[in-house]
Amino acid sequence: MKKVITLISGSLAVTALAAQEKPNIVLIYADDIGYGDFSCYGATRVQTPNVDALANNGVRFRNAHSAAATSTPSRYGMFTGEYPWRRKGTGVAAGDAALIIKPHRFTLAKLMKEAGYTTGAVGKWHLGMGDETGKQNWNERVSPGPYEIGFDYSYIMAATGDRVPCVYMENQRAVGLDPNDPIQVSYTQNFPGEPTGKENPELLTKLKPSHGHDMAVVNGISRIGYMKGGKSALWEDENIADSITVHAVRFIERNKDKPFFLYFGTNDIHVPRYPHERFRGKTDMGHRGDALVQFDWSVGEVVRALKEAGVYDNTLIIITSDNGPVVDDGYQDEAVEKLRNHKPWGPFRGGKYSTFEAGTRVPFIVHWTANVRKGVSDVLVSQIDMLATFSELVGKEVSEENRADSQKQLSAWLGNDGKGRDYVIGSAYALTLLTKDWKYIAPSNGNPYNAHTNTELGLNPEEQLYNMVIDRGEYDNVADENPLTVRFLKQILEEEKEKGMGLEL
């Protein structure tokens, strides 16, 4: 007899088969796509029909959050179920960072393997590789990496698009590498004779930097960090979406006859934005807008592959983003000049790097044919719950220690629960605590404004409290008028911080 998990809400019964007919899971994790960037979330100057189709036939969340306002910590929190602010070394990873999630840690991928799934990681990684920062031999298998934390297969970018080494790593080996032209990487000094964007601007034939990003030149774009060699393995930015999408599709095709979990981390729409020529001009917003169309194409290709493999109806698809949007993040790509009335942050304040709401409030769409209550949900949900929620879905219990901060939220994610989380803790340069009605931002003496990216960071030496019901833009600090609410939320935050003290690294 098949083991079943049945969730009942009102008159709706949702049955997830957890034995012979376990649902496949595809997690599409966008990069720097904001709450207001998809047409199903209100964008009018860009159309995302493939994303919209999943949203219209699934659950679209309006109060969903990443674990942090930047890439690396969001991924760390999602994969481990632990708030990244509890751990040192979970900030934005350098291109030569060691693996941030240690091999002994329980992870989302390990959970899925234990539940009988084949696991794959394709695309953006940005969690480091190897034992020691700066000591990787990129010409051999780099370990530990995705395999050591639970992924059977991986085809990933070695770091992230704007950092060297600019190569793909398939099962932790550089793809297409000529052993006679070995890769060398440094984040401290350039290699003799190697050009840089700062000293050789004539080589920047595709994009020029607006701030930073002026070191190694790779295929007409300068990056962060220095690199020598590996010429045959270097990617071309306009082909990144094609390459990683093809490998995501191949993973689906190879594993269609058994349960699989695919993490598909897109490069879009992170800088440097240089979409393929077939997408250029699809919007009037320049490369940033066209990269959104390219992302939507990738979603469509994954959906097409699932349908052709005959597994679409039994696949849970999630689309979300690692953090909020940023317009100018280091390259002259006309994103600022052509933004006009498009609002990547939606009705919220801030963006990537910010403690204000647009830093972590992101698109979140859950689609599973005939198994979700279709519609729009305002319940509070967080990516930190991926681990516990998937454990509930596949019927695999996880210990409280391994679950960390992750909570079981399957009913909410399938559109059946009107409650969701009581609160979510966010992190950028300061900690925040968000409930359905209130948001508390802890005091900070940091700079309140990032001039490079034109982002309000929300930092203030005074305590901040916002009524999110009537002031979702976070303009009216009502901390002084609501001392009891401040005290209550601050106490929760302090108790959460104490729970994290002394945890083993």
Protein backbone atom coordinates (compact mmCIF):
# COMPACT_ATOMS: atom_id res chain seq x y z
CA MET A 1 0.00 0.00 0.00
CA LYS A 2 1.21 3.48 -0.81
CA LYS A 3 2.06 5.75 2.08
CA VAL A 4 0.15 9.03 1.84
CA ILE A 5 0.23 12.38 3.57
CA THR A 6 -3.17 14.06 3.57
CA LEU A 7 -3.64 17.74 4.37
CA ILE A 8 -7.19 18.97 4.83
CA SER A 9 -8.21 22.63 4.86
CA GLY A 10 -11.94 23.33 4.68
CA SER A 11 -13.34 21.16 1.93
CA LEU A 12 -10.05 20.70 0.09
CA ALA A 13 -7.99 17.57 0.57
CA VAL A 14 -4.46 17.54 -0.85
CA THR A 15 -2.70 14.21 -1.10
CA ALA A 16 1.04 13.94 -1.62
CA LEU A 17 2.19 10.45 -2.45
CA ALA A 18 5.37 9.83 -0.50
CA ALA A 19 6.37 6.34 -1.54
CA GLN A 20 6.10 4.91 -5.06
CA GLU A 21 4.79 8.19 -6.51
CA LYS A 22 6.90 10.83 -4.84
CA PRO A 23 6.64 14.16 -6.61
CA ASN A 24 9.68 15.45 -8.43
CA ILE A 25 10.82 18.86 -7.23
CA VAL A 26 12.29 21.64 -9.38
CA LEU A 27 13.50 24.71 -7.51
CA ILE A 28 14.15 27.60 -9.90
CA TYR A 29 16.21 30.14 -7.99
CA ALA A 30 16.51 33.47 -9.78
CA ASP A 31 19.29 35.97 -9.10
CA ASP A 32 18.51 39.58 -8.14
CA ILE A 33 14.97 39.45 -9.52
CA GLY A 34 12.79 41.74 -7.46
CA TYR A 35 9.22 41.57 -6.24
CA GLY A 36 8.01 43.80 -9.08
CA ASP A 37 9.99 42.31 -11.98
CA PHE A 38 7.50 39.70 -13.25
CA SER A 39 4.32 40.66 -15.08
CA CYS A 40 2.29 38.46 -12.72
CA TYR A 41 3.55 40.72 -9.90
CA GLY A 42 2.52 43.89 -11.68
CA ALA A 43 5.28 44.65 -14.20
CA THR A 44 3.93 46.19 -17.41
CA ARG A 45 7.04 46.93 -19.47
CA VAL A 46 8.26 43.34 -19.47
CA GLN A 47 6.18 40.23 -20.07
CA THR A 48 7.01 36.89 -18.42
CA PRO A 49 4.37 34.51 -19.81
CA ASN A 50 6.02 31.26 -18.70
CA VAL A 51 6.37 32.46 -15.13
CA ASP A 52 2.84 33.88 -15.25
CA ALA A 53 1.38 30.56 -16.41
CA LEU A 54 2.81 28.78 -13.38
CA ALA A 55 1.60 31.57 -11.10
CA ASN A 56 -1.90 31.56 -12.58
CA ASN A 57 -2.21 27.81 -12.07
CA GLY A 58 -0.40 27.72 -8.75
CA VAL A 59 0.01 29.83 -5.63
CA ARG A 60 1.53 33.30 -5.89
CA PHE A 61 2.77 34.63 -2.57
CA ARG A 62 2.86 38.32 -1.74
CA ASN A 63 4.70 38.08 1.59
CA ALA A 64 7.55 35.68 0.87
CA HIS A 65 11.14 36.22 1.95
CA SER A 66 14.67 35.09 1.24
CA ALA A 67 16.93 34.42 4.22
CA ALA A 68 19.07 37.51 3.53
CA ALA A 69 19.37 40.50 1.23
CA THR A 70 22.35 39.08 -0.70
CA SER A 71 23.19 35.94 -2.64
CA THR A 72 25.49 33.72 -0.58
CA PRO A 73 23.71 33.94 2.77
CA SER A 74 20.32 33.38 1.14
CA ARG A 75 21.56 30.18 -0.46
CA TYR A 76 23.21 29.07 2.77
CA GLY A 77 19.96 29.56 4.70
CA MET A 78 17.84 27.82 2.09
CA PHE A 79 20.06 24.74 1.86
CA THR A 80 20.75 24.34 5.60
CA GLY A 81 17.55 25.63 7.19
CA GLU A 82 19.66 27.84 9.43
CA TYR A 83 19.56 31.62 9.48
CA PRO A 84 22.87 32.73 7.94
CA TRP A 85 23.39 35.46 10.55
CA ARG A 86 24.03 32.69 13.08
CA ARG A 87 27.27 31.76 11.30
CA LYS A 88 30.45 33.66 10.66
CA GLY A 89 31.69 33.45 7.10
CA THR A 90 28.30 33.33 5.39
CA GLY A 91 28.57 36.77 3.76
CA VAL A 92 28.95 37.31 0.02
CA ALA A 93 31.58 34.77 -1.04
CA ALA A 94 34.71 35.69 -2.95
CA GLY A 95 35.33 33.80 -6.17
CA ASP A 96 37.99 31.68 -4.47
CA ALA A 97 36.09 31.06 -1.22
CA ALA A 98 36.20 27.64 0.39
CA LEU A 99 32.94 25.68 0.60
CA ILE A 100 30.82 27.58 3.10
CA ILE A 101 28.48 24.69 3.93
CA LYS A 102 30.71 22.14 5.61
CA PRO A 103 30.35 18.53 4.44
CA HIS A 104 29.15 17.31 7.84
CA ARG A 105 26.13 19.64 7.76
CA PHE A 106 22.70 18.25 7.02
CA THR A 107 21.29 19.93 3.90
CA LEU A 108 18.24 20.03 1.69
CA ALA A 109 20.06 17.89 -0.88
CA LYS A 110 20.99 15.27 1.74
CA LEU A 111 17.38 15.14 2.85
CA MET A 112 16.24 14.44 -0.68
CA LYS A 113 18.86 11.74 -1.18
CA GLU A 114 17.75 10.03 2.03
CA ALA A 115 14.19 10.16 0.72
CA GLY A 116 15.24 8.27 -2.43
CA TYR A 117 15.68 11.19 -4.81
CA THR A 118 18.37 11.78 -7.42
CA THR A 119 19.70 15.27 -6.79
CA GLY A 120 21.14 17.85 -9.18
CA ALA A 121 22.52 21.38 -8.91
CA VAL A 122 22.74 23.43 -12.10
CA GLY A 123 23.74 27.06 -12.61
CA LYS A 124 24.61 29.75 -10.09
CA TRP A 125 26.34 28.34 -6.98
CA HIS A 126 28.16 31.10 -5.06
CA LEU A 127 28.74 28.97 -1.96
CA GLY A 128 32.45 28.37 -2.45
CA MET A 129 34.35 25.20 -3.26
CA GLY A 130 37.34 23.41 -1.78
CA ASP A 131 38.78 23.10 1.72
CA GLU A 132 40.64 26.37 1.96
CA THR A 133 40.03 29.82 0.52
CA GLY A 134 42.44 30.70 -2.28
CA LYS A 135 44.04 27.24 -2.31
CA GLN A 136 41.89 25.49 -4.93
CA ASN A 137 43.54 23.75 -7.84
CA TRP A 138 41.02 24.61 -10.55
CA ASN A 139 42.74 22.17 -12.93
CA GLU A 140 41.73 19.12 -10.91
CA ARG A 141 38.52 18.01 -9.21
CA VAL A 142 37.78 20.66 -6.57
CA SER A 143 36.55 19.14 -3.34
CA PRO A 144 34.53 19.51 -1.21
CA GLY A 145 31.75 20.89 -3.33
CA PRO A 146 28.14 20.16 -4.28
CA TYR A 147 28.60 16.37 -4.11
CA GLU A 148 29.86 16.47 -0.56
CA ILE A 149 26.73 18.29 0.60
CA GLY A 150 24.29 15.99 -1.16
CA PHE A 151 24.14 16.63 -4.92
CA ASP A 152 24.62 13.58 -7.14
CA TYR A 153 25.22 15.76 -10.18
CA SER A 154 26.35 19.35 -10.62
CA TYR A 155 26.96 21.72 -13.49
CA ILE A 156 27.65 25.07 -11.89
CA MET A 157 29.39 28.36 -12.38
CA ALA A 158 32.62 28.23 -10.38
CA ALA A 159 31.68 31.35 -8.44
CA THR A 160 29.30 33.97 -9.86
CA GLY A 161 29.12 35.90 -13.10
CA ASP A 162 31.19 38.91 -12.10
CA ARG A 163 33.97 36.98 -10.34
CA VAL A 164 36.77 34.79 -11.67
CA PRO A 165 37.28 31.96 -12.49
CA CYS A 166 34.76 32.33 -15.32
CA VAL A 167 34.35 28.62 -16.04
CA TYR A 168 31.70 25.94 -15.60
CA MET A 169 32.39 23.09 -13.18
CA GLU A 170 30.71 19.79 -14.07
CA ASN A 171 30.89 17.40 -11.15
CA GLN A 172 33.52 19.76 -9.74
CA ARG A 173 35.87 19.73 -12.73
CA ALA A 174 36.35 22.65 -15.12
CA VAL A 175 34.52 21.99 -18.39
CA GLY A 176 36.57 22.13 -21.61
CA LEU A 177 39.88 22.81 -19.89
CA ASP A 178 43.10 22.32 -21.87
CA PRO A 179 45.67 20.85 -19.44
CA ASN A 180 48.39 22.69 -21.34
CA ASP A 181 46.76 26.01 -20.39
CA PRO A 182 46.06 25.68 -16.67
CA ILE A 183 43.84 28.06 -14.71
CA GLN A 184 45.42 30.44 -12.23
CA VAL A 185 43.36 32.64 -9.94
CA SER A 186 44.30 35.39 -7.51
CA TYR A 187 42.26 37.85 -5.50
CA THR A 188 45.31 39.73 -4.24
CA GLN A 189 47.47 40.63 -7.26
CA ASN A 190 47.43 40.41 -11.03
CA PHE A 191 49.55 38.01 -13.05
CA PRO A 192 52.39 39.61 -15.04
CA GLY A 193 51.30 40.64 -18.51
CA GLU A 194 47.58 39.98 -17.99
CA PRO A 195 45.31 42.87 -19.03
CA THR A 196 42.74 44.42 -16.72
CA GLY A 197 39.63 46.48 -17.31
CA LYS A 198 41.19 49.41 -15.51
CA GLU A 199 44.39 49.49 -17.56
CA ASN A 200 43.05 48.17 -20.87
CA PRO A 201 39.58 49.64 -21.44
CA GLU A 202 39.95 49.06 -25.18
CA LEU A 203 39.44 45.33 -24.51
CA LEU A 204 36.00 45.91 -22.96
CA THR A 205 34.03 45.24 -26.13
CA LYS A 206 30.79 44.11 -24.47
CA LEU A 207 30.36 45.94 -21.15
CA LYS A 208 32.28 48.53 -19.17
CA PRO A 209 32.21 48.80 -15.38
CA SER A 210 30.38 51.61 -13.59
CA HIS A 211 32.07 50.90 -10.25
CA GLY A 212 34.55 48.17 -9.32
CA HIS A 213 34.61 45.15 -11.63
CA ASP A 214 37.75 46.39 -13.41
CA MET A 215 40.18 43.51 -12.95
CA ALA A 216 40.54 40.43 -15.21
CA VAL A 217 39.06 40.78 -18.69
CA VAL A 218 37.11 37.72 -19.82
CA ASN A 219 35.49 37.77 -23.24
CA GLY A 220 35.13 41.53 -23.44
CA ILE A 221 33.93 42.10 -19.86
CA SER A 222 36.08 42.89 -16.83
CA ARG A 223 35.48 41.12 -13.51
CA ILE A 224 36.38 41.03 -9.83
CA GLY A 225 39.64 39.15 -9.25
CA TYR A 226 42.54 38.16 -11.47
CA MET A 227 42.77 35.12 -13.72
CA LYS A 228 45.26 33.62 -16.14
CA GLY A 229 44.93 30.63 -18.46
CA GLY A 230 41.99 28.31 -19.03
CA LYS A 231 41.17 30.03 -22.32
CA SER A 232 39.32 27.02 -23.80
CA ALA A 233 37.11 26.74 -20.70
CA LEU A 234 36.01 30.37 -20.41
CA TRP A 235 32.33 31.08 -20.82
CA GLU A 236 30.79 33.73 -23.03
CA ASP A 237 28.19 35.64 -21.06
CA GLU A 238 25.60 35.70 -23.83
CA ASN A 239 25.59 31.88 -23.80
CA ILE A 240 25.34 31.29 -20.03
CA ALA A 241 21.54 30.98 -19.96
CA ASP A 242 21.61 28.54 -22.88
CA SER A 243 24.32 26.40 -21.32
CA ILE A 244 22.84 26.03 -17.86
CA THR A 245 19.30 25.63 -19.17
CA VAL A 246 20.39 22.83 -21.50
CA HIS A 247 22.03 21.02 -18.59
CA ALA A 248 18.93 21.44 -16.43
CA VAL A 249 16.83 19.95 -19.23
CA ARG A 250 19.27 17.06 -19.66
CA PHE A 251 19.08 16.30 -15.95
CA ILE A 252 15.30 16.05 -16.22
CA GLU A 253 15.52 13.82 -19.29
CA ARG A 254 18.04 11.47 -17.68
CA ASN A 255 16.08 11.08 -14.46
CA LYS A 256 12.47 11.11 -15.62
CA ASP A 257 11.88 7.49 -14.55
CA LYS A 258 12.75 8.08 -10.88
CA PRO A 259 12.12 10.82 -8.32
CA PHE A 260 14.46 13.76 -8.76
CA PHE A 261 15.24 17.07 -7.08
CA LEU A 262 16.71 19.77 -9.29
CA TYR A 263 18.10 23.03 -7.96
CA PHE A 264 18.29 25.34 -10.98
CA GLY A 265 20.05 28.56 -10.00
CA THR A 266 19.85 30.97 -12.90
CA ASN A 267 22.50 33.56 -13.68
CA ASP A 268 19.77 35.95 -14.76
CA ILE A 269 19.49 38.71 -13.92
CA HIS A 270 22.77 39.18 -12.01
CA VAL A 271 25.51 41.37 -13.45
CA PRO A 272 27.19 41.41 -15.86
CA ARG A 273 23.93 41.37 -17.80
CA TYR A 274 24.63 40.44 -21.40
CA PRO A 275 21.73 38.37 -22.73
CA HIS A 276 21.89 36.39 -25.93
CA GLU A 277 21.26 38.44 -29.06
CA ARG A 278 17.93 36.72 -29.68
CA PHE A 279 16.61 38.38 -26.51
CA ARG A 280 18.14 41.81 -27.00
CA GLY A 281 15.56 44.45 -27.79
CA LYS A 282 12.66 42.35 -26.50
CA THR A 283 11.99 45.13 -23.99
CA ASP A 284 12.69 48.85 -23.95
CA MET A 285 14.65 48.51 -20.68
CA GLY A 286 18.02 47.49 -22.07
CA HIS A 287 19.98 44.45 -20.92
CA ARG A 288 18.24 44.21 -17.55
CA GLY A 289 14.79 43.98 -19.07
CA ASP A 290 15.96 41.64 -21.81
CA ALA A 291 17.59 39.39 -19.20
CA LEU A 292 14.18 39.05 -17.54
CA VAL A 293 12.77 37.79 -20.85
CA GLN A 294 15.71 35.39 -21.07
CA PHE A 295 14.95 34.12 -17.56
CA ASP A 296 11.35 33.52 -18.57
CA TRP A 297 12.57 31.55 -21.58
CA SER A 298 14.63 29.32 -19.25
CA VAL A 299 11.51 28.66 -17.16
CA GLY A 300 9.63 27.75 -20.32
CA GLU A 301 12.33 25.30 -21.38
CA VAL A 302 12.22 23.54 -18.02
CA VAL A 303 8.43 23.28 -18.18
CA ARG A 304 8.63 21.96 -21.75
CA ALA A 305 11.15 19.31 -20.69
CA LEU A 306 8.93 18.20 -17.81
CA LYS A 307 5.94 17.87 -20.12
CA GLU A 308 7.87 15.99 -22.80
CA ALA A 309 9.23 13.64 -20.12
CA GLY A 310 5.68 12.97 -18.95
CA VAL A 311 6.34 14.13 -15.38
CA TYR A 312 4.98 17.68 -15.39
CA ASP A 313 1.81 16.91 -13.42
CA ASN A 314 3.77 15.13 -10.70
CA THR A 315 6.43 17.82 -10.34
CA LEU A 316 6.35 20.51 -7.68
CA ILE A 317 7.86 23.66 -9.21
CA ILE A 318 8.98 26.62 -7.12
CA ILE A 319 10.12 29.94 -8.60
CA THR A 320 11.73 32.47 -6.29
CA SER A 321 14.75 34.78 -6.01
CA ASP A 322 17.78 35.01 -3.75
CA ASN A 323 17.21 38.64 -2.77
CA GLY A 324 15.67 41.88 -3.93
CA PRO A 325 16.59 43.87 -7.03
CA VAL A 326 19.51 46.13 -7.84
CA VAL A 327 19.65 48.30 -10.95
CA ASP A 328 23.29 49.46 -11.20
CA ASP A 329 25.41 46.74 -9.59
CA GLY A 330 28.68 47.58 -11.31
CA TYR A 331 28.27 47.74 -15.09
CA GLN A 332 27.17 50.33 -17.65
CA ASP A 333 24.26 48.41 -19.13
CA GLU A 334 21.70 51.26 -19.38
CA ALA A 335 19.57 49.70 -16.63
CA VAL A 336 19.34 53.03 -14.80
CA GLU A 337 18.75 55.17 -17.86
CA LYS A 338 16.00 52.92 -19.24
CA LEU A 339 14.26 52.00 -15.99
CA ARG A 340 11.74 54.87 -16.10
CA ASN A 341 8.44 53.76 -14.53
CA HIS A 342 9.39 50.10 -14.04
CA LYS A 343 9.64 49.34 -10.30
CA PRO A 344 11.69 46.18 -9.68
CA TRP A 345 11.03 46.54 -5.93
CA GLY A 346 7.27 46.79 -6.39
CA PRO A 347 5.56 48.95 -3.75
CA PHE A 348 8.37 48.45 -1.24
CA ARG A 349 11.44 50.40 -0.17
CA GLY A 350 15.08 49.39 -0.57
CA GLY A 351 16.44 46.50 -2.63
CA LYS A 352 19.41 44.16 -2.66
CA TYR A 353 21.70 44.83 0.35
CA SER A 354 18.89 46.61 2.24
CA THR A 355 17.15 45.97 5.57
CA PHE A 356 14.08 47.63 4.11
CA GLU A 357 11.43 45.29 2.79
CA ALA A 358 12.54 45.07 -0.84
CA GLY A 359 15.81 43.52 0.32
CA THR A 360 14.21 40.17 1.12
CA ARG A 361 10.60 40.29 -0.08
CA VAL A 362 10.81 38.31 -3.29
CA PRO A 363 8.59 36.55 -5.81
CA PHE A 364 7.53 33.10 -4.64
CA ILE A 365 5.41 30.84 -6.82
CA VAL A 366 4.44 27.23 -6.06
CA HIS A 367 2.96 25.08 -8.83
CA TRP A 368 1.91 21.44 -8.58
CA THR A 369 -0.87 20.33 -10.90
CA ALA A 370 -4.10 19.48 -9.02
CA ASN A 371 -2.31 19.62 -5.66
CA VAL A 372 -2.40 23.31 -4.80
CA ARG A 373 -5.26 25.66 -4.06
CA LYS A 374 -4.75 28.09 -6.94
CA GLY A 375 -4.70 31.77 -6.14
CA VAL A 376 -2.86 34.53 -4.32
CA SER A 377 -1.67 34.16 -0.73
CA ASP A 378 -0.73 36.84 1.77
CA VAL A 379 0.57 34.47 4.45
CA LEU A 380 4.11 35.03 5.68
CA VAL A 381 6.52 32.45 4.24
CA SER A 382 10.28 32.11 4.10
CA GLN A 383 12.86 30.21 2.09
CA ILE A 384 14.42 29.17 5.38
CA ASP A 385 11.57 26.64 5.60
CA MET A 386 12.57 24.78 2.44
CA LEU A 387 14.23 21.96 4.40
CA ALA A 388 11.44 21.24 6.89
CA THR A 389 8.70 21.73 4.30
CA PHE A 390 10.29 19.32 1.84
CA SER A 391 10.74 16.80 4.66
CA GLU A 392 7.00 17.02 5.25
CA LEU A 393 6.29 16.67 1.54
CA VAL A 394 8.34 13.50 1.06
CA GLY A 395 7.49 11.97 4.44
CA LYS A 396 11.05 11.99 5.76
CA GLU A 397 11.38 13.18 9.35
CA VAL A 398 14.29 15.48 10.19
CA SER A 399 15.66 15.92 13.69
CA GLU A 400 15.15 19.25 15.43
CA GLU A 401 18.91 19.82 15.39
CA ASN A 402 19.16 19.26 11.63
CA ARG A 403 16.05 21.29 11.00
CA ALA A 404 17.63 24.33 12.70
CA ASP A 405 15.38 27.36 12.06
CA SER A 406 13.32 25.64 9.37
CA GLN A 407 9.60 25.08 10.01
CA LYS A 408 7.09 22.76 8.38
CA GLN A 409 4.94 24.95 6.17
CA LEU A 410 3.64 22.55 3.52
CA SER A 411 -0.01 23.43 4.03
CA ALA A 412 0.75 27.14 3.60
CA TRP A 413 2.94 26.54 0.56
CA LEU A 414 0.18 24.54 -1.13
CA GLY A 415 -2.24 27.40 -0.56
CA ASN A 416 -4.32 25.78 2.16
CA ASP A 417 -3.21 27.54 5.35
CA GLY A 418 -4.22 31.08 6.11
CA LYS A 419 -1.63 31.48 8.86
CA GLY A 420 1.90 30.76 7.71
CA ARG A 421 4.82 31.84 9.88
CA ASP A 422 4.46 33.95 13.02
CA TYR A 423 7.60 35.87 12.16
CA VAL A 424 10.64 35.91 9.89
CA ILE A 425 14.09 37.24 10.73
CA GLY A 426 15.93 39.00 7.93
CA SER A 427 19.53 40.08 7.67
CA ALA A 428 21.53 42.60 5.70
CA TYR A 429 23.72 44.97 7.71
CA ALA A 430 21.27 44.73 10.63
CA LEU A 431 18.71 42.18 11.77
CA THR A 432 15.02 42.66 11.19
CA LEU A 433 11.98 40.89 12.59
CA LEU A 434 8.83 40.81 10.51
CA THR A 435 5.36 39.67 11.53
CA LYS A 436 2.22 39.92 9.45
CA ASP A 437 1.53 43.36 10.93
CA TRP A 438 4.85 44.80 12.16
CA LYS A 439 8.48 45.14 11.20
CA TYR A 440 11.25 45.88 13.66
CA ILE A 441 14.74 46.91 12.49
CA ALA A 442 17.51 46.69 15.06
CA PRO A 443 19.68 49.80 15.58
CA SER A 444 22.84 50.13 13.50
CA ASN A 445 25.53 52.76 13.06
CA GLY A 446 26.21 51.75 9.47
CA ASN A 447 25.91 53.97 6.44
CA PRO A 448 22.19 54.32 5.60
CA TYR A 449 22.84 54.64 1.87
CA ASN A 450 24.82 52.74 -0.76
CA ALA A 451 25.82 55.44 -3.23
CA HIS A 452 27.21 52.97 -5.77
CA THR A 453 23.92 51.12 -6.20
CA ASN A 454 21.62 53.99 -5.18
CA THR A 455 20.06 51.81 -2.47
CA GLU A 456 18.58 52.88 0.85
CA LEU A 457 19.96 50.37 3.33
CA GLY A 458 17.55 51.22 6.13
CA LEU A 459 20.27 51.53 8.76
CA ASN A 460 19.62 53.85 11.69
CA PRO A 461 21.17 54.20 15.17
CA GLU A 462 17.62 54.38 16.51
CA GLU A 463 15.18 51.50 16.74
CA GLN A 464 12.72 51.35 13.86
CA LEU A 465 9.18 50.00 13.89
CA TYR A 466 6.81 50.06 10.94
CA ASN A 467 3.14 49.14 10.71
CA MET A 468 3.19 46.98 7.59
CA VAL A 469 -0.59 47.04 7.27
CA ILE A 470 -0.80 50.78 6.60
CA ASP A 471 2.83 51.65 5.78
CA ARG A 472 4.34 48.96 3.59
CA GLY A 473 6.78 51.56 2.25
CA GLU A 474 8.37 51.88 5.72
CA TYR A 475 8.33 55.67 5.82
CA ASP A 476 6.69 56.30 9.20
CA ASN A 477 8.82 55.04 12.08
CA VAL A 478 6.33 54.50 14.92
CA ALA A 479 8.73 53.01 17.47
CA ASP A 480 8.25 55.87 19.96
CA GLU A 481 4.46 55.54 19.84
CA ASN A 482 4.50 51.75 20.35
CA PRO A 483 7.03 50.94 23.08
CA LEU A 484 5.31 47.69 24.09
CA THR A 485 5.39 46.35 20.53
CA VAL A 486 9.05 47.33 20.21
CA ARG A 487 9.85 45.59 23.49
CA PHE A 488 7.97 42.46 22.45
CA LEU A 489 9.60 42.13 19.02
CA LYS A 490 13.02 43.02 20.40
CA GLN A 491 12.65 40.30 23.03
CA ILE A 492 11.84 37.71 20.36
CA LEU A 493 14.91 38.77 18.40
CA GLU A 494 17.14 38.61 21.48
CA GLU A 495 15.85 35.14 22.33
CA GLU A 496 16.52 33.98 18.78
CA LYS A 497 20.05 35.37 18.93
CA GLU A 498 20.71 33.53 22.19
CA LYS A 499 19.56 30.25 20.62
CA GLY A 500 22.33 30.61 18.08
CA MET A 501 25.16 31.20 20.54
CA GLY A 502 27.72 28.44 20.82
CA LEU A 503 26.56 26.44 17.80
CA GLU A 504 29.29 24.22 16.35
CA LEU A 505 30.76 25.55 13.12
